[in-house]
Protein backbone atom coordinates (compact mmCIF):
# COMPACT_ATOMS: atom_id res chain seq x y z
CA TYR A 1 71.77 47.98 79.97
CA PRO A 2 69.90 44.82 79.02
CA GLU A 3 68.45 42.78 81.87
CA ASP A 4 71.16 40.14 81.35
CA THR A 5 73.86 42.73 81.96
CA ILE A 6 72.03 43.96 85.06
CA GLY A 7 71.96 40.39 86.36
CA LEU A 8 75.71 40.08 85.82
CA LEU A 9 76.35 43.41 87.53
CA GLN A 10 74.25 42.33 90.50
CA ALA A 11 76.15 39.04 90.72
CA LEU A 12 79.47 40.89 90.63
CA SER A 13 78.21 43.35 93.23
CA ASN A 14 77.28 40.46 95.51
CA SER A 15 80.74 38.98 95.00
CA TYR A 16 82.67 42.18 95.73
CA LEU A 17 80.37 43.89 98.22
CA PRO A 18 78.75 42.56 101.42
CA ALA A 19 75.03 41.80 101.42
CA THR A 20 74.41 44.96 103.44
CA THR A 21 73.81 46.84 100.19
CA GLY A 22 70.64 44.80 99.60
CA VAL A 23 69.07 45.74 96.27
CA THR A 24 71.23 48.13 94.32
C-alpha cells in the first residue's frame, strides 16, 4: 500500500483499537 493508505489505516486503527497496540 502507498504511504498515504498506511497513514489512513493507522488512523483507523487508532480510532477502533486502544493505544495499547502502539505501532502496528
